[in-house]
Amino acid sequence: MASFVIEGGHRLCGEITPQGAKNEALQVLCAALLTTEPVTFDNVPEILDVKNLLKLISDMGVDVERLGKGSYRLHAAEIDRDFLASDEYVRRSRSLRGSVMIMGALLGRMGEAWLAKPGGDQIGRRRLDTHYLGLRKLGANFNWDTGTAACHVTTPDGLNGCYMLLDEASVTGTANIILAAVKAHGQTTIYNAACEPYVQQLCRMLNAMGAHIEGIGSNLLHIHGTDRLTGTSHTLLPDMIEVGSFIAMAAMTRSRITIKNVSYDNLGIIPDQFRRLGVALVQNGDDIIVPGQEHYEIDTFMDGSIMTIADAPWPGLTPDLLSVMLVTATQAKGSVLIHQKMFESRLFFTDTLIDMGAQIILCDPHRAVVIGHDHNKRLQAGAMVSPDIRAGIALLIAALSANGVSTISNIEQIDRGYQDIESRLLAIGAKIRRVE
C-alpha cells in the first residue's frame, strides 16, 4: 500500500492541464464492444479504474492497442463468451463499478451478458435499480445465482424499443440503457434521462458509429435502433472534477494557477459555485485563471441567510465535487451548508478535517455546516487515510494548505481517479512524494 507525504504551506504557481474525463472513459470504452470494427480513443485518462477496465475488456477477447499516452484502439472483432461466463470475470468485474456498463453493450452486441454486483467507492448504498428496470423494459431477463451473487442476463425475445420513464436520472443507468437501445428493434424513448456532458459525448460517439439518437443534451432521448454500428474516432472531454479540484487547490494555498484547456462550456454551474464560495475565477478562452487570493468570502442568499451548496442532476452541481467544495470552505470567510443528497457516507471524511482543526458540524450523514477560518488559522498536518476517490483528493488539498507534514495512506483510491497527480503537482511547486 502506498502513501503520499505532503509538506504543506507552499504556494503553487504555473499551468496545469486536466486529464481526460474518468466518467466519460468508462462509458465510451464499453461502447466499443458494440461494433466489430476498430474504435480509436484520444485523451483517455490512464488511471487505475480505466486501466482495470481496459484489462478486463482485453481478456474478453478484444484487441486493445495503446497507440501513445492517452491514445488507444479497441477492436472487438470477437468476444470470448467462455471468459464472460467464468468465475474470473465475475470476480474482477465485481471490483470495478464501471464494469456494469459492459452489460448494456453486450446485450446490444450478443443478446446476453454476465453481471456481478460491482464495487467502487464505499460511499453508501449505490443501487442499480435504474439499470435493471430500464434494460428489463427492453426485454432483458435477469437470472441471479444467489450463491455467487452473479447474474446471467438474457434476451429471449430480443431487445425491443419502448417508452420508459426512469425512476432517477442515473448517469450510468442512462448510459447502460443507451448502449443496449441503439441495437434494439424499433424506437426507444427515455424520459428523465441523465444529460451530463459525458452522456452527451457517448450519444455523439454512437451517432458517429451509425446510431440515430435525438434529443442529445436534454432529458428526453429518442433512440432509433440499428442493426450495424461501425468504427469511429473519439476524443474525450477534460475531467470537470479535476478542474474543480485544481480550483480548490489554488484557493486553499492562495496560489495563482492557470488551468489549461478546460472545455469551459461543458463545466456548467461549477465555476459559479466556486464563485459563491468567494473564489475569483477568470475565463481566458478555454482556460481558467485562479488569480491567488489572500482571502475569499462565502456569499449569502439574497435575504442574508446562510448559503447552501447541494448536488443535483445535471445541469445542477455534480456530487463528485462536494467533498472538494467542502474543504475549500474551511479557509473561506463565512459559513456554508454542504448538502450531499445522493450518498449517505460521503461526508464522513470530515472527521479527519476536524482533527486538522477545521470548524465543521456534521449535522447528519448528508449535511455539514462549515465555518471558515478566513486563512487566519491554518489546518494542522496529520496522518490520514483516503476512504474514496473524492474524499482522497479533498484530503490532499487540505494537506497542501496545512501547517506541517501530512501523510495520506490508501492512495490507491486517489490513483483510481487522478493520473500522475504527484508529478503534475510537483511541476507547479507542491512538496509531495510517494512512498511505496
Protein backbone atom coordinates (compact mmCIF):
# COMPACT_ATOMS: atom_id res chain seq x y z
CA MET A 1 0.00 0.00 0.00
CA ALA A 2 1.39 3.42 -0.99
CA SER A 3 1.20 6.76 0.78
CA PHE A 4 1.69 10.43 -0.03
CA VAL A 5 3.94 12.53 2.18
CA ILE A 6 3.00 16.20 1.80
CA GLU A 7 4.75 19.26 3.21
CA GLY A 8 2.02 21.85 3.41
CA GLY A 9 2.01 25.61 3.32
CA HIS A 10 3.75 26.15 -0.01
CA ARG A 11 2.18 28.34 -2.67
CA LEU A 12 1.72 26.85 -6.10
CA CYS A 13 2.34 28.62 -9.39
CA GLY A 14 2.13 27.78 -13.05
CA GLU A 15 -0.05 25.92 -15.50
CA ILE A 16 -1.76 22.56 -15.12
CA THR A 17 -3.88 20.62 -17.61
CA PRO A 18 -6.75 18.34 -16.56
CA GLN A 19 -6.75 14.72 -17.66
CA GLY A 20 -9.43 13.16 -19.81
CA ALA A 21 -12.74 12.56 -18.08
CA LYS A 22 -12.86 9.38 -15.99
CA ASN A 23 -16.65 9.07 -16.06
CA GLU A 24 -16.77 9.51 -19.83
CA ALA A 25 -14.00 6.97 -20.38
CA LEU A 26 -15.86 4.21 -18.55
CA GLN A 27 -18.89 4.76 -20.81
CA VAL A 28 -17.30 5.20 -24.24
CA LEU A 29 -14.80 2.35 -23.86
CA CYS A 30 -17.72 -0.02 -23.26
CA ALA A 31 -19.40 1.35 -26.39
CA ALA A 32 -16.53 -0.05 -28.50
CA LEU A 33 -17.94 -3.52 -27.77
CA LEU A 34 -20.96 -2.76 -29.98
CA THR A 35 -19.04 -2.96 -33.25
CA THR A 36 -16.71 -5.46 -34.89
CA GLU A 37 -14.71 -2.56 -36.37
CA PRO A 38 -11.83 -0.67 -34.68
CA VAL A 39 -12.61 2.34 -32.50
CA THR A 40 -9.87 4.86 -31.62
CA PHE A 41 -9.86 6.99 -28.47
CA ASP A 42 -7.78 10.03 -27.54
CA ASN A 43 -7.34 11.85 -24.22
CA VAL A 44 -8.05 8.67 -22.26
CA PRO A 45 -7.05 9.10 -18.59
CA GLU A 46 -4.51 6.45 -17.65
CA ILE A 47 -5.85 5.96 -14.15
CA LEU A 48 -6.35 2.77 -12.20
CA ASP A 49 -10.08 2.36 -12.89
CA VAL A 50 -9.60 2.85 -16.64
CA LYS A 51 -6.58 0.53 -16.77
CA ASN A 52 -8.56 -2.17 -14.97
CA LEU A 53 -11.47 -1.77 -17.38
CA LEU A 54 -9.14 -1.98 -20.40
CA LYS A 55 -7.51 -5.13 -18.98
CA LEU A 56 -10.93 -6.69 -18.40
CA ILE A 57 -12.04 -5.82 -21.94
CA SER A 58 -8.78 -7.23 -23.32
CA ASP A 59 -9.29 -10.51 -21.50
CA MET A 60 -12.76 -10.68 -23.06
CA GLY A 61 -11.00 -11.18 -26.39
CA VAL A 62 -10.92 -7.56 -27.56
CA ASP A 63 -7.72 -6.33 -29.19
CA VAL A 64 -6.64 -3.35 -27.05
CA GLU A 65 -3.70 -1.42 -28.53
CA ARG A 66 -2.03 1.54 -26.81
CA LEU A 67 -1.05 3.97 -29.58
CA GLY A 68 0.55 6.52 -27.25
CA LYS A 69 -0.10 8.23 -23.95
CA GLY A 70 -3.87 8.53 -23.60
CA SER A 71 -4.49 7.06 -27.07
CA TYR A 72 -5.99 3.59 -27.58
CA ARG A 73 -7.52 1.48 -30.34
CA LEU A 74 -10.11 -1.15 -29.39
CA HIS A 75 -11.10 -3.81 -31.91
CA ALA A 76 -13.84 -6.15 -30.70
CA ALA A 77 -13.88 -8.44 -33.73
CA GLU A 78 -14.67 -11.36 -31.45
CA ILE A 79 -15.73 -11.71 -27.81
CA ASP A 80 -14.88 -14.69 -25.63
CA ARG A 81 -18.19 -15.95 -24.21
CA ASP A 82 -16.44 -18.58 -22.11
CA PHE A 83 -14.45 -15.93 -20.25
CA LEU A 84 -17.61 -13.84 -19.71
CA ALA A 85 -19.31 -16.83 -18.08
CA SER A 86 -16.31 -17.61 -15.88
CA ASP A 87 -15.85 -17.03 -12.16
CA GLU A 88 -12.77 -14.96 -13.02
CA TYR A 89 -14.84 -12.43 -14.99
CA VAL A 90 -17.40 -12.22 -12.19
CA ARG A 91 -14.69 -11.69 -9.57
CA ARG A 92 -12.87 -8.96 -11.46
CA SER A 93 -15.94 -7.09 -12.65
CA ARG A 94 -17.21 -7.06 -9.06
CA SER A 95 -14.25 -4.88 -8.03
CA LEU A 96 -14.85 -2.25 -10.73
CA ARG A 97 -18.07 -0.28 -10.72
CA GLY A 98 -17.65 0.91 -14.31
CA SER A 99 -17.87 -2.69 -15.49
CA VAL A 100 -21.65 -2.55 -15.06
CA MET A 101 -21.88 -0.74 -18.43
CA ILE A 102 -20.35 -3.73 -20.17
CA MET A 103 -23.78 -5.31 -19.59
CA GLY A 104 -25.68 -2.89 -21.85
CA ALA A 105 -23.08 -3.16 -24.61
CA LEU A 106 -23.06 -6.97 -24.51
CA LEU A 107 -26.86 -7.15 -24.59
CA GLY A 108 -26.78 -4.93 -27.67
CA ARG A 109 -24.00 -6.93 -29.28
CA MET A 110 -24.84 -10.54 -28.32
CA GLY A 111 -28.23 -10.53 -26.64
CA GLU A 112 -26.77 -11.82 -23.36
CA ALA A 113 -24.41 -10.65 -20.64
CA TRP A 114 -22.94 -11.68 -17.31
CA LEU A 115 -23.01 -9.44 -14.28
CA ALA A 116 -21.71 -9.25 -10.75
CA LYS A 117 -22.79 -6.58 -8.32
CA PRO A 118 -19.97 -4.06 -8.91
CA GLY A 119 -17.82 -2.41 -6.28
CA GLY A 120 -16.17 1.02 -6.40
CA ASP A 121 -16.16 3.70 -3.72
CA GLN A 122 -17.62 2.81 -0.33
CA ILE A 123 -19.76 5.94 -0.07
CA GLY A 124 -23.08 4.39 0.87
CA ARG A 125 -25.78 2.44 -0.89
CA ARG A 126 -25.50 2.72 -4.66
CA ARG A 127 -28.44 0.87 -6.10
CA LEU A 128 -28.64 -0.35 -9.69
CA ASP A 129 -32.41 -0.48 -9.99
CA THR A 130 -32.46 2.09 -12.80
CA HIS A 131 -30.18 -0.16 -14.88
CA TYR A 132 -32.24 -3.28 -14.23
CA LEU A 133 -35.66 -1.67 -14.75
CA GLY A 134 -34.64 0.06 -17.98
CA LEU A 135 -32.99 -2.99 -19.52
CA ARG A 136 -35.91 -5.18 -18.42
CA LYS A 137 -38.27 -2.90 -20.34
CA LEU A 138 -36.13 -3.51 -23.43
CA GLY A 139 -36.56 -7.29 -22.98
CA ALA A 140 -33.74 -8.39 -20.65
CA ASN A 141 -34.24 -11.19 -18.13
CA PHE A 142 -32.05 -11.28 -15.01
CA ASN A 143 -31.26 -14.75 -13.71
CA TRP A 144 -29.46 -14.39 -10.37
CA ASP A 145 -27.36 -17.09 -8.75
CA THR A 146 -27.89 -16.41 -5.05
CA GLY A 147 -24.85 -18.47 -4.13
CA THR A 148 -22.34 -16.40 -6.10
CA ALA A 149 -24.29 -13.10 -6.36
CA ALA A 150 -23.71 -13.31 -10.11
CA CYS A 151 -26.28 -12.90 -12.84
CA HIS A 152 -26.77 -14.24 -16.35
CA VAL A 153 -28.75 -11.68 -18.37
CA THR A 154 -30.62 -12.94 -21.42
CA THR A 155 -32.98 -11.54 -24.05
CA PRO A 156 -35.22 -14.48 -25.07
CA ASP A 157 -37.32 -12.34 -27.40
CA GLY A 158 -34.56 -9.95 -28.42
CA LEU A 159 -34.28 -6.26 -27.49
CA ASN A 160 -37.32 -4.21 -28.45
CA GLY A 161 -37.63 -0.44 -28.22
CA CYS A 162 -40.21 1.08 -25.89
CA TYR A 163 -41.07 4.17 -23.84
CA MET A 164 -39.61 4.39 -20.35
CA LEU A 165 -39.65 6.97 -17.58
CA LEU A 166 -36.55 6.47 -15.42
CA ASP A 167 -37.07 6.45 -11.67
CA GLU A 168 -33.95 8.62 -11.31
CA ALA A 169 -31.65 10.47 -13.70
CA SER A 170 -28.81 7.99 -13.17
CA VAL A 171 -25.77 8.73 -15.33
CA THR A 172 -24.50 5.16 -15.58
CA GLY A 173 -28.06 3.84 -15.72
CA THR A 174 -28.86 6.11 -18.69
CA ALA A 175 -25.61 5.13 -20.41
CA ASN A 176 -26.26 1.41 -19.90
CA ILE A 177 -29.76 1.66 -21.37
CA ILE A 178 -28.49 3.70 -24.33
CA LEU A 179 -25.82 1.08 -25.09
CA ALA A 180 -28.49 -1.61 -25.35
CA ALA A 181 -31.18 0.53 -27.01
CA VAL A 182 -29.05 1.50 -30.03
CA LYS A 183 -29.22 -2.14 -31.15
CA ALA A 184 -32.86 -2.76 -30.17
CA HIS A 185 -35.66 -3.20 -32.71
CA GLY A 186 -37.70 -0.03 -33.20
CA GLN A 187 -37.59 3.22 -31.23
CA THR A 188 -36.73 3.67 -27.57
CA THR A 189 -37.78 6.84 -25.73
CA ILE A 190 -36.04 7.59 -22.44
CA TYR A 191 -37.58 10.32 -20.28
CA ASN A 192 -35.78 11.66 -17.20
CA ALA A 193 -32.51 10.63 -18.84
CA ALA A 194 -29.28 11.96 -17.38
CA CYS A 195 -27.95 14.71 -19.64
CA GLU A 196 -24.40 15.25 -18.31
CA PRO A 197 -21.80 16.24 -20.93
CA TYR A 198 -20.34 12.72 -20.70
CA VAL A 199 -23.68 11.15 -21.63
CA GLN A 200 -23.86 13.65 -24.49
CA GLN A 201 -20.40 12.54 -25.58
CA LEU A 202 -21.48 8.89 -25.55
CA CYS A 203 -24.51 9.70 -27.70
CA ARG A 204 -22.43 11.70 -30.21
CA MET A 205 -19.90 8.91 -30.46
CA LEU A 206 -22.66 6.35 -31.09
CA ASN A 207 -24.19 8.59 -33.76
CA ALA A 208 -20.77 8.75 -35.42
CA MET A 209 -20.84 4.93 -35.43
CA GLY A 210 -24.19 4.90 -37.25
CA ALA A 211 -26.71 5.15 -34.41
CA HIS A 212 -29.65 7.57 -34.55
CA ILE A 213 -30.11 9.34 -31.22
CA GLU A 214 -32.20 12.51 -30.94
CA GLY A 215 -32.54 14.93 -28.03
CA ILE A 216 -28.87 14.91 -27.03
CA GLY A 217 -28.31 17.34 -24.16
CA SER A 218 -31.89 17.06 -22.90
CA ASN A 219 -33.56 14.62 -20.52
CA LEU A 220 -35.75 13.22 -23.32
CA LEU A 221 -33.89 10.90 -25.70
CA HIS A 222 -35.27 9.17 -28.79
CA ILE A 223 -33.13 6.24 -29.94
CA HIS A 224 -33.82 4.54 -33.26
CA GLY A 225 -32.36 1.04 -33.20
CA THR A 226 -29.94 -0.11 -35.89
CA ASP A 227 -28.56 -3.49 -36.91
CA ARG A 228 -24.99 -2.38 -37.51
CA LEU A 229 -22.56 0.08 -35.98
CA THR A 230 -19.19 0.98 -37.49
CA GLY A 231 -15.86 2.08 -36.10
CA THR A 232 -15.05 5.70 -35.31
CA SER A 233 -12.57 8.01 -33.60
CA HIS A 234 -13.47 9.79 -30.38
CA THR A 235 -11.73 12.39 -28.19
CA LEU A 236 -12.71 12.58 -24.53
CA LEU A 237 -13.55 15.81 -22.73
CA PRO A 238 -11.31 17.07 -19.92
CA ASP A 239 -12.35 15.90 -16.47
CA MET A 240 -14.56 18.52 -14.79
CA ILE A 241 -13.82 17.03 -11.36
CA GLU A 242 -10.10 17.62 -11.87
CA VAL A 243 -10.82 21.19 -12.97
CA GLY A 244 -12.76 21.77 -9.75
CA SER A 245 -10.02 20.10 -7.71
CA PHE A 246 -7.37 22.43 -9.14
CA ILE A 247 -9.55 25.49 -8.45
CA ALA A 248 -9.81 24.34 -4.83
CA MET A 249 -6.04 23.79 -4.56
CA ALA A 250 -5.36 27.33 -5.76
CA ALA A 251 -7.86 28.83 -3.31
CA MET A 252 -6.66 26.81 -0.30
CA THR A 253 -2.96 27.54 -0.94
CA ARG A 254 -3.56 31.18 -2.00
CA SER A 255 -1.89 30.43 -5.32
CA ARG A 256 -2.10 31.76 -8.85
CA ILE A 257 -2.74 28.83 -11.18
CA THR A 258 -3.80 28.63 -14.82
CA ILE A 259 -5.88 25.57 -15.62
CA LYS A 260 -5.49 24.86 -19.33
CA ASN A 261 -8.00 23.53 -21.86
CA VAL A 262 -10.93 23.01 -19.51
CA SER A 263 -13.71 22.91 -22.14
CA TYR A 264 -15.36 25.79 -20.29
CA ASP A 265 -18.74 25.44 -21.97
CA ASN A 266 -19.03 21.90 -20.55
CA LEU A 267 -18.34 22.91 -16.93
CA GLY A 268 -21.92 24.05 -16.39
CA ILE A 269 -22.54 25.56 -12.95
CA ILE A 270 -19.15 24.58 -11.49
CA PRO A 271 -17.35 27.95 -11.94
CA ASP A 272 -20.29 29.88 -10.46
CA GLN A 273 -20.49 27.56 -7.46
CA PHE A 274 -16.85 28.28 -6.64
CA ARG A 275 -17.58 31.98 -7.06
CA ARG A 276 -20.32 31.53 -4.43
CA LEU A 277 -17.56 30.44 -2.07
CA GLY A 278 -15.77 33.69 -2.91
CA VAL A 279 -13.13 32.16 -5.18
CA ALA A 280 -12.22 34.53 -8.01
CA LEU A 281 -12.05 32.90 -11.44
CA VAL A 282 -11.11 34.47 -14.76
CA GLN A 283 -12.04 32.79 -18.03
CA ASN A 284 -9.37 33.25 -20.69
CA GLY A 285 -10.57 31.49 -23.81
CA ASP A 286 -10.75 27.84 -22.82
CA ASP A 287 -8.52 28.34 -19.78
CA ILE A 288 -9.35 29.29 -16.20
CA ILE A 289 -7.05 31.58 -14.23
CA VAL A 290 -7.33 31.43 -10.45
CA PRO A 291 -5.56 34.70 -9.53
CA GLY A 292 -4.48 33.85 -5.99
CA GLN A 293 -6.37 35.43 -3.09
CA GLU A 294 -5.31 36.17 0.45
CA HIS A 295 -8.99 35.94 1.44
CA TYR A 296 -12.22 34.75 -0.14
CA GLU A 297 -15.67 35.27 1.34
CA ILE A 298 -18.68 32.96 1.06
CA ASP A 299 -21.75 34.60 -0.43
CA THR A 300 -25.17 34.55 1.24
CA PHE A 301 -28.63 34.21 -0.20
CA MET A 302 -30.41 37.44 -1.10
CA ASP A 303 -32.23 37.53 2.25
CA GLY A 304 -28.92 37.22 4.10
CA SER A 305 -29.40 33.58 5.13
CA ILE A 306 -26.56 31.07 5.11
CA MET A 307 -25.50 29.77 1.70
CA THR A 308 -26.37 26.17 0.86
CA ILE A 309 -24.45 24.23 -1.77
CA ALA A 310 -26.08 20.96 -2.79
CA ASP A 311 -25.70 18.37 -5.51
CA ALA A 312 -28.37 17.89 -8.17
CA PRO A 313 -28.80 16.15 -11.53
CA TRP A 314 -27.15 17.99 -14.41
CA PRO A 315 -27.18 20.91 -15.06
CA GLY A 316 -27.03 21.06 -11.26
CA LEU A 317 -23.79 20.54 -9.36
CA THR A 318 -22.19 17.12 -9.67
CA PRO A 319 -21.99 15.25 -6.32
CA ASP A 320 -18.38 14.33 -7.09
CA LEU A 321 -17.29 17.90 -6.30
CA LEU A 322 -18.99 18.40 -2.94
CA SER A 323 -16.06 16.95 -0.96
CA VAL A 324 -13.72 19.36 -2.74
CA MET A 325 -16.01 22.35 -2.18
CA LEU A 326 -16.38 21.46 1.49
CA VAL A 327 -12.63 21.53 2.08
CA THR A 328 -12.38 24.82 0.14
CA ALA A 329 -14.89 26.37 2.53
CA THR A 330 -12.73 25.56 5.58
CA GLN A 331 -10.44 28.52 4.75
CA ALA A 332 -13.10 30.90 3.45
CA LYS A 333 -14.64 33.79 5.37
CA GLY A 334 -18.18 32.93 6.40
CA SER A 335 -20.29 29.80 6.71
CA VAL A 336 -21.92 27.39 4.30
CA LEU A 337 -24.16 24.33 4.50
CA ILE A 338 -22.94 21.47 2.28
CA HIS A 339 -25.83 19.13 1.43
CA GLN A 340 -24.80 15.80 -0.12
CA LYS A 341 -28.16 14.39 -1.18
CA MET A 342 -27.11 11.31 -3.07
CA PHE A 343 -24.68 9.33 -0.90
CA GLU A 344 -25.08 8.83 2.82
CA SER A 345 -21.43 8.07 3.66
CA ARG A 346 -19.56 10.61 1.59
CA LEU A 347 -19.26 13.29 4.30
CA PHE A 348 -17.80 11.03 6.98
CA PHE A 349 -14.26 12.07 5.97
CA THR A 350 -14.99 15.41 7.68
CA ASP A 351 -13.85 13.78 10.96
CA THR A 352 -10.31 13.94 9.57
CA LEU A 353 -10.68 17.62 8.68
CA ILE A 354 -11.99 18.35 12.18
CA ASP A 355 -8.90 16.63 13.60
CA MET A 356 -6.83 19.00 11.43
CA GLY A 357 -8.56 21.98 13.03
CA ALA A 358 -11.40 22.68 10.60
CA GLN A 359 -14.64 24.03 12.05
CA ILE A 360 -17.27 21.64 10.76
CA ILE A 361 -20.55 20.47 12.24
CA LEU A 362 -21.69 17.17 10.74
CA CYS A 363 -25.45 17.51 11.11
CA ASP A 364 -26.29 14.07 9.73
CA PRO A 365 -24.88 11.74 7.03
CA HIS A 366 -25.99 14.15 4.31
CA ARG A 367 -25.34 17.65 5.69
CA ALA A 368 -22.38 19.52 7.14
CA VAL A 369 -22.02 23.15 8.22
CA VAL A 370 -18.57 24.63 7.60
CA ILE A 371 -17.40 27.77 9.43
CA GLY A 372 -14.38 29.07 7.55
CA HIS A 373 -11.11 30.21 9.13
CA ASP A 374 -10.57 33.01 6.56
CA HIS A 375 -6.91 31.89 6.40
CA ASN A 376 -6.42 33.27 9.92
CA LYS A 377 -5.83 29.79 11.29
CA ARG A 378 -4.13 27.13 9.19
CA LEU A 379 -5.11 23.49 9.28
CA GLN A 380 -2.63 21.26 11.09
CA ALA A 381 -0.89 18.37 9.37
CA GLY A 382 -1.80 14.84 10.31
CA ALA A 383 -1.90 11.17 9.34
CA MET A 384 -4.94 10.34 7.21
CA VAL A 385 -6.47 7.53 5.19
CA SER A 386 -8.15 8.09 1.83
CA PRO A 387 -11.59 6.46 2.05
CA ASP A 388 -12.63 7.07 -1.57
CA ILE A 389 -11.52 8.95 -4.69
CA ARG A 390 -13.17 12.31 -3.99
CA ALA A 391 -12.55 12.39 -0.24
CA GLY A 392 -8.96 11.41 -1.03
CA ILE A 393 -8.35 14.42 -3.26
CA ALA A 394 -10.11 16.68 -0.71
CA LEU A 395 -7.71 15.46 2.00
CA LEU A 396 -4.79 16.02 -0.38
CA ILE A 397 -5.94 19.61 -0.90
CA ALA A 398 -6.22 20.07 2.86
CA ALA A 399 -2.71 18.69 3.35
CA LEU A 400 -1.25 21.07 0.74
CA SER A 401 -2.57 24.02 2.77
CA ALA A 402 -1.81 22.64 6.23
CA ASN A 403 0.95 23.56 8.64
CA GLY A 404 3.48 20.71 8.76
CA VAL A 405 3.98 17.36 7.06
CA SER A 406 0.97 15.12 6.42
CA THR A 407 0.77 11.51 5.39
CA ILE A 408 -2.14 10.12 3.35
CA SER A 409 -2.32 6.33 3.09
CA ASN A 410 -4.51 4.13 0.87
CA ILE A 411 -3.74 6.48 -2.04
CA GLU A 412 -4.69 3.73 -4.46
CA GLN A 413 -8.13 5.29 -4.04
CA ILE A 414 -6.77 8.59 -5.39
CA ASP A 415 -4.95 6.76 -8.20
CA ARG A 416 -8.29 5.34 -9.32
CA GLY A 417 -9.37 8.81 -10.41
CA TYR A 418 -6.30 11.05 -10.79
CA GLN A 419 -3.49 10.41 -13.26
CA ASP A 420 0.14 11.06 -12.20
CA ILE A 421 -1.20 13.54 -9.65
CA GLU A 422 2.04 13.90 -7.68
CA SER A 423 4.23 14.63 -10.73
CA ARG A 424 1.78 17.22 -12.02
CA LEU A 425 1.61 18.91 -8.62
CA LEU A 426 5.39 18.85 -8.26
CA ALA A 427 5.60 20.76 -11.55
CA ILE A 428 3.67 23.68 -10.03
CA GLY A 429 5.53 23.81 -6.74
CA ALA A 430 3.88 21.30 -4.42
CA LYS A 431 6.04 19.40 -1.93
CA ILE A 432 4.72 15.88 -2.33
CA ARG A 433 6.29 12.44 -2.67
CA ARG A 434 5.01 8.91 -2.98
CA VAL A 435 6.21 6.30 -0.53
CA GLU A 436 5.64 2.67 -1.50
